Amino acid sequence: MKKLLWISLIMLVLVNWKCATSKSRHKVVILEKSEDTVALRSGSSLTVKLPLQAGTGYDWTLDKGKSQIEEISTSTNKSEDKNLPGGKMIKTFTLRTTKAMGEDVLKFNLSRSFEKNPAAETRILNVIIEP
């Protein structure tokens, strides 16, 4: 009976430890300022959210440059505020770190895909990857 109790206790500790470490491996950043910094652990994922106005033709794009961060997916969803036509939207980028450690820079550009003008707005996210 004691052996079963110890095995159950060890399993409970391992499950709780796994849940605690998996939560720290994902961060969500709402990029509202023109520049921000985030620290991530190696191999973790990152969700970046940017506000967007529907109906204007503008959209956020990611300019990774020589970044070692991999883009997994992007999506555009209605803001939680209101469901009005032409209302506020949220552009979401899901990313994952691919290098062990170092610093990286992600540039998000707001522009219209059918215009050749420079970006109307740029927001920069400095990423510090820790081991």
Protein backbone atom coordinates (compact mmCIF):
# COMPACT_ATOMS: atom_id res chain seq x y z
CA MET A 1 0.00 0.00 0.00
CA LYS A 2 2.85 2.39 0.81
CA LYS A 3 4.44 1.68 -2.55
CA LEU A 4 1.24 2.60 -4.39
CA LEU A 5 0.94 5.79 -2.34
CA TRP A 6 4.51 6.81 -3.19
CA ILE A 7 4.04 6.08 -6.89
CA SER A 8 0.83 8.15 -6.91
CA LEU A 9 2.58 11.01 -5.13
CA ILE A 10 5.50 10.98 -7.59
CA MET A 11 3.13 10.94 -10.57
CA LEU A 12 1.18 13.87 -9.13
CA VAL A 13 4.37 15.90 -8.66
CA LEU A 14 5.56 15.12 -12.20
CA VAL A 15 2.23 16.12 -13.75
CA ASN A 16 2.16 19.41 -11.82
CA TRP A 17 5.78 20.13 -12.76
CA LYS A 18 5.07 19.48 -16.45
CA CYS A 19 2.07 21.84 -16.38
CA ALA A 20 4.07 24.57 -14.66
CA THR A 21 6.96 24.39 -17.15
CA SER A 22 4.71 24.27 -20.23
CA LYS A 23 2.96 27.50 -19.20
CA SER A 24 6.27 29.36 -19.02
CA ARG A 25 7.12 28.27 -22.56
CA HIS A 26 4.48 30.47 -24.18
CA LYS A 27 4.16 34.25 -23.97
CA VAL A 28 1.55 36.63 -25.34
CA VAL A 29 2.56 40.20 -26.23
CA ILE A 30 0.10 42.93 -27.19
CA LEU A 31 2.33 45.28 -29.18
CA GLU A 32 0.78 48.70 -28.64
CA LYS A 33 3.97 50.76 -28.42
CA SER A 34 6.34 51.46 -31.31
CA GLU A 35 9.04 49.33 -29.65
CA ASP A 36 8.99 46.70 -26.94
CA THR A 37 11.18 43.90 -25.57
CA VAL A 38 10.31 40.37 -24.50
CA ALA A 39 12.44 37.61 -22.98
CA LEU A 40 11.79 34.01 -24.01
CA ARG A 41 13.25 30.67 -23.14
CA SER A 42 14.87 28.64 -25.91
CA GLY A 43 12.33 26.52 -27.79
CA SER A 44 9.32 28.50 -26.55
CA SER A 45 6.48 30.04 -28.53
CA LEU A 46 5.27 33.61 -28.73
CA THR A 47 1.96 35.18 -29.73
CA VAL A 48 2.08 38.82 -30.87
CA LYS A 49 -1.18 40.77 -31.15
CA LEU A 50 -1.49 44.08 -33.01
CA PRO A 51 -4.58 46.31 -33.30
CA LEU A 52 -6.00 46.76 -36.80
CA GLN A 53 -8.81 48.87 -38.24
CA ALA A 54 -11.08 46.91 -40.58
CA GLY A 55 -12.14 48.35 -43.93
CA THR A 56 -9.07 50.54 -44.49
CA GLY A 57 -7.05 48.11 -46.61
CA TYR A 58 -4.17 48.22 -44.14
CA ASP A 59 -2.70 45.01 -42.77
CA TRP A 60 0.21 44.06 -40.54
CA THR A 61 3.03 42.02 -42.06
CA LEU A 62 6.07 40.53 -40.37
CA ASP A 63 9.49 41.50 -41.68
CA LYS A 64 11.78 38.99 -39.97
CA GLY A 65 14.93 40.07 -41.78
CA LYS A 66 17.63 37.63 -40.65
CA SER A 67 15.63 36.54 -37.63
CA GLN A 68 15.90 32.98 -36.37
CA ILE A 69 12.29 33.03 -35.18
CA GLU A 70 9.88 30.88 -37.16
CA GLU A 71 6.39 32.10 -38.07
CA ILE A 72 3.86 29.35 -37.37
CA SER A 73 0.58 31.09 -38.24
CA THR A 74 -1.26 34.39 -38.58
CA SER A 75 -4.91 35.24 -38.11
CA THR A 76 -7.18 38.28 -38.03
CA ASN A 77 -10.07 38.33 -35.58
CA LYS A 78 -12.69 40.79 -34.43
CA SER A 79 -11.81 42.73 -31.33
CA GLU A 80 -13.65 41.72 -28.20
CA ASP A 81 -15.00 45.27 -27.86
CA LYS A 82 -17.72 45.32 -30.54
CA ASN A 83 -18.82 43.47 -33.65
CA LEU A 84 -19.43 46.56 -35.79
CA PRO A 85 -18.66 46.54 -39.52
CA GLY A 86 -15.37 48.36 -40.08
CA GLY A 87 -14.64 48.00 -36.37
CA LYS A 88 -11.49 47.15 -34.54
CA MET A 89 -9.67 43.92 -35.34
CA ILE A 90 -6.69 42.09 -33.88
CA LYS A 91 -3.92 40.65 -36.08
CA THR A 92 -2.27 37.70 -34.32
CA PHE A 93 1.12 36.23 -35.18
CA THR A 94 2.15 32.92 -33.63
CA LEU A 95 5.93 32.42 -33.59
CA ARG A 96 8.49 29.95 -32.24
CA THR A 97 12.14 30.38 -31.33
CA THR A 98 14.54 28.22 -33.33
CA LYS A 99 17.91 29.14 -31.87
CA ALA A 100 19.34 28.33 -28.48
CA MET A 101 20.09 31.84 -27.22
CA GLY A 102 20.79 35.40 -28.29
CA GLU A 103 18.89 38.46 -29.40
CA ASP A 104 16.53 38.94 -32.32
CA VAL A 105 14.50 41.78 -33.82
CA LEU A 106 11.04 41.45 -35.36
CA LYS A 107 9.57 44.32 -37.41
CA PHE A 108 5.85 44.54 -37.97
CA ASN A 109 4.82 46.87 -40.82
CA LEU A 110 1.36 48.33 -41.34
CA SER A 111 0.75 48.93 -45.03
CA ARG A 112 -1.58 48.33 -47.94
CA SER A 113 -0.53 45.42 -50.14
CA PHE A 114 -1.69 47.22 -53.30
CA GLU A 115 0.38 50.38 -52.65
CA LYS A 116 4.13 50.70 -53.11
CA ASN A 117 4.48 53.41 -50.46
CA PRO A 118 6.61 52.78 -47.38
CA ALA A 119 4.85 51.36 -44.33
CA ALA A 120 2.41 53.71 -42.64
CA GLU A 121 3.59 52.44 -39.27
CA THR A 122 6.31 50.12 -37.97
CA ARG A 123 6.44 48.41 -34.60
CA ILE A 124 9.55 46.62 -33.38
CA LEU A 125 9.75 43.73 -30.95
CA ASN A 126 13.18 42.97 -29.51
CA VAL A 127 13.37 39.32 -28.49
CA ILE A 128 15.92 38.05 -25.97
CA ILE A 129 16.24 34.27 -26.10
CA GLU A 130 17.52 32.73 -22.89
CA PRO A 131 18.78 29.14 -22.49
